[in-house]
C-alpha atoms as a PDB file:
ATOM      1  CA  MET A   1     -20.119  27.166  -7.238  1.00  0.00           C
ATOM      2  CA  ASP A   2     -19.353  30.361  -5.365  1.00  0.00           C
ATOM      3  CA  PRO A   3     -17.985  29.415  -1.910  1.00  0.00           C
ATOM      4  CA  ALA A   4     -18.233  32.950  -0.570  1.00  0.00           C
ATOM      5  CA  GLY A   5     -21.791  33.514  -1.708  1.00  0.00           C
ATOM      6  CA  THR A   6     -20.766  36.667  -3.584  1.00  0.00           C
ATOM      7  CA  GLY A   7     -21.700  35.543  -7.074  1.00  0.00           C
ATOM      8  CA  GLN A   8     -18.041  35.765  -8.116  1.00  0.00           C
ATOM      9  CA  PRO A   9     -15.659  32.774  -8.448  1.00  0.00           C
ATOM     10  CA  GLY A  10     -12.718  34.497  -6.725  1.00  0.00           C
ATOM     11  CA  ARG A  11     -10.968  33.625  -3.460  1.00  0.00           C
ATOM     12  CA  ALA A  12     -13.343  32.845  -0.634  1.00  0.00           C
ATOM     13  CA  ALA A  13     -13.550  35.073   2.425  1.00  0.00           C
ATOM     14  CA  PRO A  14     -13.865  32.527   5.241  1.00  0.00           C
ATOM     15  CA  GLY A  15     -15.100  33.790   8.562  1.00  0.00           C
ATOM     16  CA  ALA A  16     -16.678  36.894   7.082  1.00  0.00           C
ATOM     17  CA  VAL A  17     -20.152  35.835   8.181  1.00  0.00           C
ATOM     18  CA  ASP A  18     -21.703  34.921  11.468  1.00  0.00           C
ATOM     19  CA  ALA A  19     -21.484  31.288  12.554  1.00  0.00           C
ATOM     20  CA  ALA A  20     -25.269  30.938  12.663  1.00  0.00           C
ATOM     21  CA  ALA A  21     -25.422  31.970   8.997  1.00  0.00           C
ATOM     22  CA  THR A  22     -22.984  29.273   7.852  1.00  0.00           C
ATOM     23  CA  PRO A  23     -24.845  27.236   5.204  1.00  0.00           C
ATOM     24  CA  TRP A  24     -25.656  23.676   6.194  1.00  0.00           C
ATOM     25  CA  TRP A  25     -24.160  22.338   2.971  1.00  0.00           C
ATOM     26  CA  ARG A  26     -20.747  23.733   3.910  1.00  0.00           C
ATOM     27  CA  ARG A  27     -20.745  21.875   7.208  1.00  0.00           C
ATOM     28  CA  GLY A  28     -21.830  18.621   5.574  1.00  0.00           C
ATOM     29  CA  ALA A  29     -19.427  18.986   2.634  1.00  0.00           C
ATOM     30  CA  THR A  30     -16.484  19.697   4.932  1.00  0.00           C
ATOM     31  CA  ARG A  31     -17.223  16.657   7.084  1.00  0.00           C
ATOM     32  CA  ARG A  32     -17.441  14.396   4.028  1.00  0.00           C
ATOM     33  CA  LEU A  33     -14.232  15.766   2.520  1.00  0.00           C
ATOM     34  CA  LEU A  34     -12.351  15.432   5.802  1.00  0.00           C
ATOM     35  CA  GLY A  35     -13.694  11.882   6.101  1.00  0.00           C
ATOM     36  CA  VAL A  36     -12.139  11.018   2.742  1.00  0.00           C
ATOM     37  CA  LEU A  37      -8.832  12.524   3.843  1.00  0.00           C
ATOM     38  CA  VAL A  38      -8.908  10.494   7.052  1.00  0.00           C
ATOM     39  CA  LEU A  39      -9.440   7.310   5.030  1.00  0.00           C
ATOM     40  CA  LEU A  40      -6.538   8.219   2.740  1.00  0.00           C
ATOM     41  CA  ALA A  41      -4.318   8.970   5.740  1.00  0.00           C
ATOM     42  CA  VAL A  42      -5.218   5.665   7.385  1.00  0.00           C
ATOM     43  CA  ALA A  43      -4.503   3.794   4.161  1.00  0.00           C
ATOM     44  CA  GLY A  44      -1.143   5.528   3.867  1.00  0.00           C
ATOM     45  CA  GLY A  45      -0.285   4.734   7.477  1.00  0.00           C
ATOM     46  CA  VAL A  46      -1.199   1.067   7.055  1.00  0.00           C
ATOM     47  CA  GLY A  47       0.910   0.895   3.917  1.00  0.00           C
ATOM     48  CA  ASP A  48       3.889   2.498   5.633  1.00  0.00           C
ATOM     49  CA  THR A  49       3.632   0.262   8.691  1.00  0.00           C
ATOM     50  CA  ALA A  50       3.228  -2.978   6.735  1.00  0.00           C
ATOM     51  CA  SER A  51       5.629  -2.035   3.941  1.00  0.00           C
ATOM     52  CA  PRO A  52       8.318  -4.638   4.865  1.00  0.00           C
ATOM     53  CA  VAL A  53       5.763  -7.389   4.180  1.00  0.00           C
ATOM     54  CA  LEU A  54       3.746  -5.765   1.394  1.00  0.00           C
ATOM     55  CA  ILE A  55       6.746  -4.838  -0.750  1.00  0.00           C
ATOM     56  CA  VAL A  56       7.805  -8.479  -0.855  1.00  0.00           C
ATOM     57  CA  HIS A  57       4.421 -10.177  -1.381  1.00  0.00           C
ATOM     58  CA  THR A  58       2.029  -7.566  -2.812  1.00  0.00           C
ATOM     59  CA  PRO A  59       4.022  -4.535  -4.028  1.00  0.00           C
ATOM     60  CA  LEU A  60       1.167  -3.166  -6.125  1.00  0.00           C
ATOM     61  CA  LEU A  61      -1.102  -3.117  -3.064  1.00  0.00           C
ATOM     62  CA  LEU A  62       1.566  -1.182  -1.193  1.00  0.00           C
ATOM     63  CA  VAL A  63       1.618   1.450  -3.951  1.00  0.00           C
ATOM     64  CA  ALA A  64      -2.182   1.601  -3.875  1.00  0.00           C
ATOM     65  CA  LEU A  65      -2.080   2.255  -0.135  1.00  0.00           C
ATOM     66  CA  ASN A  66       0.862   4.645  -0.151  1.00  0.00           C
ATOM     67  CA  PRO A  67       2.383   5.746  -3.490  1.00  0.00           C
ATOM     68  CA  ARG A  68       5.399   7.498  -2.012  1.00  0.00           C
ATOM     69  CA  ALA A  69       8.569   7.551  -4.112  1.00  0.00           C
ATOM     70  CA  ARG A  70      10.449   4.795  -2.291  1.00  0.00           C
ATOM     71  CA  ASN A  71       7.511   2.400  -2.604  1.00  0.00           C
ATOM     72  CA  VAL A  72       7.223   3.051  -6.330  1.00  0.00           C
ATOM     73  CA  LEU A  73      10.969   2.551  -6.771  1.00  0.00           C
ATOM     74  CA  LEU A  74      11.004  -0.776  -4.933  1.00  0.00           C
ATOM     75  CA  ALA A  75       7.815  -1.987  -6.614  1.00  0.00           C
ATOM     76  CA  SER A  76       9.272  -1.235 -10.049  1.00  0.00           C
ATOM     77  CA  ARG A  77      11.609  -4.225  -9.626  1.00  0.00           C
ATOM     78  CA  SER A  78       8.723  -6.714  -9.610  1.00  0.00           C
ATOM     79  CA  VAL A  79       5.739  -4.903 -11.161  1.00  0.00           C
ATOM     80  CA  GLY A  80       5.398  -3.927 -14.813  1.00  0.00           C
ATOM     81  CA  ALA A  81       5.487  -0.241 -15.700  1.00  0.00           C
ATOM     82  CA  PRO A  82       1.886   0.105 -17.057  1.00  0.00           C
ATOM     83  CA  PRO A  83       0.004  -1.214 -13.987  1.00  0.00           C
ATOM     84  CA  LEU A  84       2.426   0.525 -11.631  1.00  0.00           C
ATOM     85  CA  VAL A  85       1.938   3.899 -13.327  1.00  0.00           C
ATOM     86  CA  VAL A  86      -1.852   3.509 -13.494  1.00  0.00           C
ATOM     87  CA  VAL A  87      -2.215   2.567  -9.815  1.00  0.00           C
ATOM     88  CA  ALA A  88       0.217   5.213  -8.566  1.00  0.00           C
ATOM     89  CA  LEU A  89      -1.325   7.920 -10.760  1.00  0.00           C
ATOM     90  CA  ILE A  90      -4.890   7.183  -9.667  1.00  0.00           C
ATOM     91  CA  ARG A  91      -3.902   6.942  -6.002  1.00  0.00           C
ATOM     92  CA  ARG A  92      -2.067  10.258  -6.082  1.00  0.00           C
ATOM     93  CA  LEU A  93      -4.919  11.959  -7.927  1.00  0.00           C
ATOM     94  CA  VAL A  94      -7.612  10.810  -5.494  1.00  0.00           C
ATOM     95  CA  GLY A  95      -6.849  13.565  -3.020  1.00  0.00           C
ATOM     96  CA  VAL A  96      -6.634  16.381  -5.585  1.00  0.00           C
ATOM     97  CA  PRO A  97     -10.399  17.068  -5.957  1.00  0.00           C
ATOM     98  CA  VAL A  98     -10.830  16.702  -2.196  1.00  0.00           C
ATOM     99  CA  PHE A  99      -8.276  19.411  -1.400  1.00  0.00           C
ATOM    100  CA  TYR A 100      -9.546  21.513  -4.298  1.00  0.00           C
ATOM    101  CA  ARG A 101     -13.066  21.583  -2.846  1.00  0.00           C
ATOM    102  CA  LEU A 102     -11.787  22.282   0.653  1.00  0.00           C
ATOM    103  CA  GLY A 103      -9.982  25.266  -0.839  1.00  0.00           C
ATOM    104  CA  ARG A 104     -13.201  26.417  -2.506  1.00  0.00           C
ATOM    105  CA  ILE A 105     -15.051  26.249   0.804  1.00  0.00           C
ATOM    106  CA  HIS A 106     -12.471  27.567   3.282  1.00  0.00           C
ATOM    107  CA  GLY A 107     -10.012  29.708   1.348  1.00  0.00           C
ATOM    108  CA  ASP A 108      -6.950  30.740   3.366  1.00  0.00           C
ATOM    109  CA  ALA A 109      -8.364  29.771   6.771  1.00  0.00           C
ATOM    110  CA  SER A 110      -7.089  26.193   6.796  1.00  0.00           C
ATOM    111  CA  LEU A 111      -3.649  27.313   5.603  1.00  0.00           C
ATOM    112  CA  ALA A 112      -3.414  29.614   8.620  1.00  0.00           C
ATOM    113  CA  TRP A 113      -4.432  26.722  10.893  1.00  0.00           C
ATOM    114  CA  PHE A 114      -1.838  24.451   9.268  1.00  0.00           C
ATOM    115  CA  GLU A 115       0.908  27.059   9.534  1.00  0.00           C
ATOM    116  CA  GLY A 116       0.143  27.548  13.221  1.00  0.00           C
ATOM    117  CA  ARG A 117       0.457  23.852  14.053  1.00  0.00           C
ATOM    118  CA  PHE A 118       3.294  22.940  11.679  1.00  0.00           C
ATOM    119  CA  PRO A 119       5.533  26.048  11.446  1.00  0.00           C
ATOM    120  CA  ARG A 120       8.195  24.552   9.179  1.00  0.00           C
ATOM    121  CA  SER A 121       5.719  23.052   6.736  1.00  0.00           C
ATOM    122  CA  GLY A 122       3.635  26.195   7.041  1.00  0.00           C
ATOM    123  CA  ARG A 123       6.541  28.343   5.835  1.00  0.00           C
ATOM    124  CA  TRP A 124       6.915  26.048   2.823  1.00  0.00           C
ATOM    125  CA  ALA A 125       3.174  26.351   2.161  1.00  0.00           C
ATOM    126  CA  ARG A 126       3.362  30.141   2.189  1.00  0.00           C
ATOM    127  CA  TRP A 127       6.393  30.051  -0.136  1.00  0.00           C
ATOM    128  CA  VAL A 128       4.454  27.910  -2.606  1.00  0.00           C
ATOM    129  CA  GLU A 129       1.438  30.201  -2.227  1.00  0.00           C
ATOM    130  CA  ARG A 130       3.482  33.232  -3.269  1.00  0.00           C
ATOM    131  CA  ARG A 131       4.735  31.407  -6.388  1.00  0.00           C
ATOM    132  CA  PHE A 132       1.214  30.188  -7.099  1.00  0.00           C
ATOM    133  CA  ASP A 133      -0.085  33.761  -7.105  1.00  0.00           C
ATOM    134  CA  ARG A 134       2.465  34.647  -9.794  1.00  0.00           C
ATOM    135  CA  ALA A 135       2.052  31.606 -12.058  1.00  0.00           C
ATOM    136  CA  ALA A 136      -0.721  29.252 -10.989  1.00  0.00           C
ATOM    137  CA  ALA A 137      -0.746  26.733 -13.844  1.00  0.00           C
ATOM    138  CA  PRO A 138       3.042  26.078 -13.922  1.00  0.00           C
ATOM    139  CA  VAL A 139       3.124  25.648 -10.126  1.00  0.00           C
ATOM    140  CA  VAL A 140       0.279  23.104 -10.222  1.00  0.00           C
ATOM    141  CA  PHE A 141       2.170  21.187 -12.910  1.00  0.00           C
ATOM    142  CA  LEU A 142       5.544  21.333 -11.165  1.00  0.00           C
ATOM    143  CA  LEU A 143       4.208  20.694  -7.645  1.00  0.00           C
ATOM    144  CA  PRO A 144       1.102  18.539  -8.089  1.00  0.00           C
ATOM    145  CA  GLY A 145      -0.628  17.499  -4.900  1.00  0.00           C
ATOM    146  CA  ALA A 146      -2.613  18.622  -1.900  1.00  0.00           C
ATOM    147  CA  LEU A 147      -1.225  22.136  -1.434  1.00  0.00           C
ATOM    148  CA  THR A 148      -1.508  23.337  -5.026  1.00  0.00           C
ATOM    149  CA  ALA A 149      -4.949  21.731  -5.360  1.00  0.00           C
ATOM    150  CA  TYR A 150      -6.093  23.596  -2.237  1.00  0.00           C
ATOM    151  CA  LEU A 151      -4.682  26.888  -3.530  1.00  0.00           C
ATOM    152  CA  ALA A 152      -6.323  26.326  -6.908  1.00  0.00           C
ATOM    153  CA  GLY A 153      -9.664  25.791  -5.221  1.00  0.00           C
ATOM    154  CA  SER A 154      -9.296  28.895  -3.052  1.00  0.00           C
ATOM    155  CA  THR A 155      -8.642  31.068  -6.144  1.00  0.00           C
ATOM    156  CA  GLY A 156     -11.439  29.581  -8.267  1.00  0.00           C
ATOM    157  CA  MET A 157      -9.182  27.925 -10.850  1.00  0.00           C
ATOM    158  CA  HIS A 158     -11.150  25.492 -13.024  1.00  0.00           C
ATOM    159  CA  GLU A 159     -11.220  22.027 -11.463  1.00  0.00           C
ATOM    160  CA  ALA A 160     -10.770  20.182 -14.775  1.00  0.00           C
ATOM    161  CA  LEU A 161      -7.627  22.198 -15.491  1.00  0.00           C
ATOM    162  CA  VAL A 162      -6.281  21.439 -12.022  1.00  0.00           C
ATOM    163  CA  LEU A 163      -6.869  17.697 -12.521  1.00  0.00           C
ATOM    164  CA  LEU A 164      -5.227  17.773 -15.953  1.00  0.00           C
ATOM    165  CA  LEU A 165      -2.144  19.694 -14.812  1.00  0.00           C
ATOM    166  CA  SER A 166      -1.822  17.547 -11.696  1.00  0.00           C
ATOM    167  CA  ALA A 167      -2.104  14.331 -13.718  1.00  0.00           C
ATOM    168  CA  LEU A 168       0.553  15.512 -16.164  1.00  0.00           C
ATOM    169  CA  GLY A 169       2.878  16.577 -13.376  1.00  0.00           C
ATOM    170  CA  ILE A 170       2.437  13.292 -11.511  1.00  0.00           C
ATOM    171  CA  ALA A 171       2.977  11.297 -14.720  1.00  0.00           C
ATOM    172  CA  VAL A 172       6.267  13.104 -15.339  1.00  0.00           C
ATOM    173  CA  ARG A 173       7.404  12.348 -11.783  1.00  0.00           C
ATOM    174  CA  LEU A 174       6.466   8.687 -12.122  1.00  0.00           C
ATOM    175  CA  ALA A 175       8.366   8.444 -15.407  1.00  0.00           C
ATOM    176  CA  ALA A 176      11.421   9.898 -13.677  1.00  0.00           C
ATOM    177  CA  LEU A 177      11.039   7.390 -10.828  1.00  0.00           C
ATOM    178  CA  LEU A 178      10.824   4.462 -13.249  1.00  0.00           C
ATOM    179  CA  ALA A 179      13.939   5.694 -15.051  1.00  0.00           C
ATOM    180  CA  ALA A 180      15.727   5.962 -11.708  1.00  0.00           C
ATOM    181  CA  GLY A 181      14.541   2.435 -10.870  1.00  0.00           C
ATOM    182  CA  VAL A 182      16.179   1.101 -14.012  1.00  0.00           C
ATOM    183  CA  ALA A 183      19.418   2.943 -13.240  1.00  0.00           C
ATOM    184  CA  LEU A 184      19.423   1.667  -9.645  1.00  0.00           C
ATOM    185  CA  SER A 185      18.179  -1.836 -10.422  1.00  0.00           C
ATOM    186  CA  GLY A 186      21.125  -3.542  -8.723  1.00  0.00           C
ATOM    187  CA  VAL A 187      20.828  -1.530  -5.538  1.00  0.00           C
ATOM    188  CA  LEU A 188      17.053  -1.960  -5.377  1.00  0.00           C
ATOM    189  CA  SER A 189      17.250  -5.700  -5.977  1.00  0.00           C
ATOM    190  CA  GLY A 190      19.765  -6.064  -3.154  1.00  0.00           C
ATOM    191  CA  LEU A 191      17.569  -3.985  -0.850  1.00  0.00           C
ATOM    192  CA  LEU A 192      14.531  -6.104  -1.686  1.00  0.00           C
ATOM    193  CA  ALA A 193      16.494  -9.271  -0.943  1.00  0.00           C
ATOM    194  CA  PHE A 194      17.517  -7.839   2.446  1.00  0.00           C
ATOM    195  CA  ILE A 195      13.919  -6.895   3.272  1.00  0.00           C
ATOM    196  CA  ALA A 196      12.668 -10.352   2.258  1.00  0.00           C
ATOM    197  CA  ALA A 197      15.229 -11.999   4.537  1.00  0.00           C
ATOM    198  CA  HIS A 198      14.382  -9.806   7.556  1.00  0.00           C
ATOM    199  CA  GLN A 199      10.651  -9.195   7.257  1.00  0.00           C
ATOM    200  CA  VAL A 200       9.717  -9.916  10.884  1.00  0.00           C
ATOM    201  CA  PRO A 201      12.263  -7.635  12.630  1.00  0.00           C
ATOM    202  CA  LEU A 202      11.727  -4.894  10.045  1.00  0.00           C
ATOM    203  CA  LEU A 203       7.963  -5.113  10.553  1.00  0.00           C
ATOM    204  CA  ALA A 204       8.415  -4.803  14.330  1.00  0.00           C
ATOM    205  CA  ILE A 205      10.611  -1.729  13.875  1.00  0.00           C
ATOM    206  CA  SER A 206       8.099  -0.237  11.444  1.00  0.00           C
ATOM    207  CA  ILE A 207       5.231  -0.708  13.910  1.00  0.00           C
ATOM    208  CA  ALA A 208       7.232   0.937  16.699  1.00  0.00           C
ATOM    209  CA  VAL A 209       8.206   3.912  14.525  1.00  0.00           C
ATOM    210  CA  SER A 210       4.621   4.355  13.327  1.00  0.00           C
ATOM    211  CA  ALA A 211       3.374   4.354  16.924  1.00  0.00           C
ATOM    212  CA  VAL A 212       5.886   7.045  17.905  1.00  0.00           C
ATOM    213  CA  TYR A 213       4.909   9.225  14.948  1.00  0.00           C
ATOM    214  CA  ALA A 214       1.203   8.754  15.701  1.00  0.00           C
ATOM    215  CA  LEU A 215       1.672   9.912  19.299  1.00  0.00           C
ATOM    216  CA  ARG A 216       3.756  12.873  18.230  1.00  0.00           C
ATOM    217  CA  TYR A 217       1.233  13.873  15.572  1.00  0.00           C
ATOM    218  CA  ARG A 218      -1.589  13.626  18.089  1.00  0.00           C
ATOM    219  CA  ARG A 219       0.207  16.007  20.445  1.00  0.00           C
ATOM    220  CA  VAL A 220       0.724  18.482  17.617  1.00  0.00           C
ATOM    221  CA  LEU A 221      -2.946  18.371  16.658  1.00  0.00           C
ATOM    222  CA  ARG A 222      -4.023  18.965  20.264  1.00  0.00           C
ATOM    223  CA  ARG A 223      -1.714  21.951  20.628  1.00  0.00           C
ATOM    224  CA  ARG A 224      -3.537  25.260  21.090  1.00  0.00           C
ATOM    225  CA  VAL A 225      -2.924  27.596  18.188  1.00  0.00           C
ATOM    226  CA  PRO A 226      -4.036  31.253  18.362  1.00  0.00           C
ATOM    227  CA  VAL A 227      -5.104  31.299  14.729  1.00  0.00           C
ATOM    228  CA  PRO A 228      -8.726  32.089  13.876  1.00  0.00           C
ATOM    229  CA  VAL A 229      -9.951  29.411  11.504  1.00  0.00           C
ATOM    230  CA  GLU A 230     -13.153  28.265   9.923  1.00  0.00           C
ATOM    231  CA  LEU A 231     -13.067  24.507   9.743  1.00  0.00           C
ATOM    232  CA  ALA A 232     -15.719  21.819   9.725  1.00  0.00           C
ATOM    233  CA  GLY A 233     -18.165  24.512   8.612  1.00  0.00           C
ATOM    234  CA  ARG A 234     -17.914  26.468  11.881  1.00  0.00           C
ATOM    235  CA  VAL A 235     -16.640  30.038  12.243  1.00  0.00           C
ATOM    236  CA  VAL A 236     -14.475  30.534  15.322  1.00  0.00           C
ATOM    237  CA  ALA A 237     -13.566  34.141  14.624  1.00  0.00           C
ATOM    238  CA  PRO A 238     -13.580  36.506  11.664  1.00  0.00           C
ATOM    239  CA  VAL A 239     -10.742  35.957   9.228  1.00  0.00           C
ATOM    240  CA  ALA A 240      -9.906  38.737   6.828  1.00  0.00           C
ATOM    241  CA  PRO A 241      -9.503  37.551   3.243  1.00  0.00           C
ATOM    242  CA  ARG A 242      -6.106  37.918   1.632  1.00  0.00           C
ATOM    243  CA  PRO A 243      -6.228  40.617  -1.063  1.00  0.00           C
ATOM    244  CA  ASP A 244      -6.525  39.231  -4.559  1.00  0.00           C
ATOM    245  CA  ARG A 245      -3.277  39.588  -6.485  1.00  0.00           C
ATOM    246  CA  HIS A 246      -4.981  41.330  -9.419  1.00  0.00           C
ATOM    247  CA  SER A 247      -6.534  44.008  -7.204  1.00  0.00           C
ATOM    248  CA  ALA A 248      -3.188  44.444  -5.407  1.00  0.00           C
ATOM    249  CA  GLU A 249      -1.406  45.023  -8.709  1.00  0.00           C
ATOM    250  CA  SER A 250      -4.022  47.532  -9.857  1.00  0.00           C
ATOM    251  CA  SER A 251      -3.757  49.452  -6.581  1.00  0.00           C
ATOM    252  CA  ARG A 252       0.013  49.709  -6.962  1.00  0.00           C
ATOM    253  CA  THR A 253      -0.275  51.053 -10.492  1.00  0.00           C
ATOM    254  CA  SER A 254      -2.977  53.597  -9.598  1.00  0.00           C
END
């Protein structure tokens, strides 16, 4: 599918058309994709908040809710490697096609919005973007996740290849985590015993920390950012597309 309506699968040019001409399917698709991301974020937040209880009683559920490295490490002490890898791999891959399709629809616009609201993370995103332009496939493999999936979508990289490279990269990371879990088995077992003995106070602390982060994140999202962005299928202002790296190279050589 050509997100820019040009007939070519290259990087989209968000904001290049009038808001009234924005196709209805883009608005609907964006809302559905953002809805999935909200559900994933809520699941991750619930997992983080309830982790002192979940890691003791249902560690695999914790990984399904939030497969961050520390949860996988702790769960590896009580869950077998095959189910742990399968659940963590699927959970981490769920967001890849979502971000890929957002990249197909919105191109660089959402990255500009993100960089405006989260300057430090935005600088990291731009650093990854520069490396992605030089070697897309290796970067997707080495840094699988939301950012590289979004960049792959914005450049028209094949979705099946993105899923394959992301799955391989995530599998390698999970294998490294399981190896680290074996090496740190004594430390992890002691930490699990401490958590099991202090579940109630740790849960109270976790709820308080999650509430603070939620309030802080809400303030950041409500901050005014002077970055033109097309999001939720609505053009706020024209956004010039970033020159394609192949055309840039040809212009330098000519």
